[in-house]
Structures are given as structure tokens and as C-alpha cells.
Amino acid sequence: MTQILNHLDIERKIKRIAYQIYENHLNEEEIVLAGINGNGFIFAEKLNEVLATIAPLKVTLCKVMMDKKNPLAGITTSVPPEAYTHKSVIVVDDVLNSGLTLIYGVKHFLEVPLKQLTTAVLVNRNHKKYPIKADFKGISLSTSLQEHISVVFEEGNYSVNLSMTN
């Protein structure tokens, strides 16, 4: 296993993405950070912590619950649709791999009228099977399909690791 990003690298990426989100939403009073369950939601929480220190934005944190292996099984959110209707929504995940999880997450939010919809990921792998892009990304990696990216958000010890799959 090879470490691609260490704790300090990831903290810097989170801070930079938070500033980019703020700059992109300067005229907004409120935004919704919609983190996909698991590391996507943890990443959204970290972005929210930084945004709280740099921006006067009201941020609604929303957890997007889905079975990542079978997104057609249905998607639910921790807040009702009224909480994001006519708002700017940023769908957040840790890794953009094939695009499956992110595109179904985005599809869910398209069922109500939105002001704006963007995406944020910590790692963009460039292996997309679906027409989705990361508007805000920490790092882009050109990896082989035999390689696996894992993101670890342990207290005080974040890391992004690359390993070979069997």
C-alpha cells in the first residue's frame, strides 16, 4: 500500500476546497452540503467545519443514504426535500471512481428545483463510466483499474492510500 496524501495534505485540500466553494457561492446566503453516506458525509462535515470559520454562509448538512453497490435500491436524505428546494447543493463524496455513486446522488437532487448543483470529491480517479465531473476536487489521479484508492478519516490521522486489488 502506498500513501498518496497524509493528514496535513488532506487538511490543506479540505481548506482549499472550502475556499473554492465559498468563492463559487459568494452571493449565496445558504448552501447545502450533501455528503454521501460513509466517507462522503465525513468529508462534507470537514468542509462544513472550515466553511464555518471562513464564510458567513448558512450551511445545511445533509446525509445522502444509498447502497453504493446498488444505487437503484433507492436514496434517502437526512433532511426533507424542502430543505434543499431552490438552494445551491454540493454533492460530496470521498472518491470519484466510475461516477456511479455520484451520478445517482446527483439524480436524487434533480427531483426538486434547485438554484445550482455542483460536486466535490477529495480524489478524482479519471475512470468515469458516467458523464459526471467533479467541480471541486482535492487531487486527480490517473490510476489503473487494478488499483484501489482508500480514504481514511481516523481522528488526527487522515490518509489517502493506493493499493493493488486482487
Foldseek 3Di string as FASTA:
>chain_A
DAFPDKPVLLLVLLLVLLVVVCVVQVVDQEEEEEAEPDQSLVSSVSNVVNNVVPHNHHYHYKYWYADLVCRVVDIDIPDDLVVFAQHEYEYTYAECAQCSVVVSVVVVNVVHHYVHYAYEYAEYAPNHPDPHDHPRYNYYHPDDPQKDWDWDDDVVITTIDIDGHD
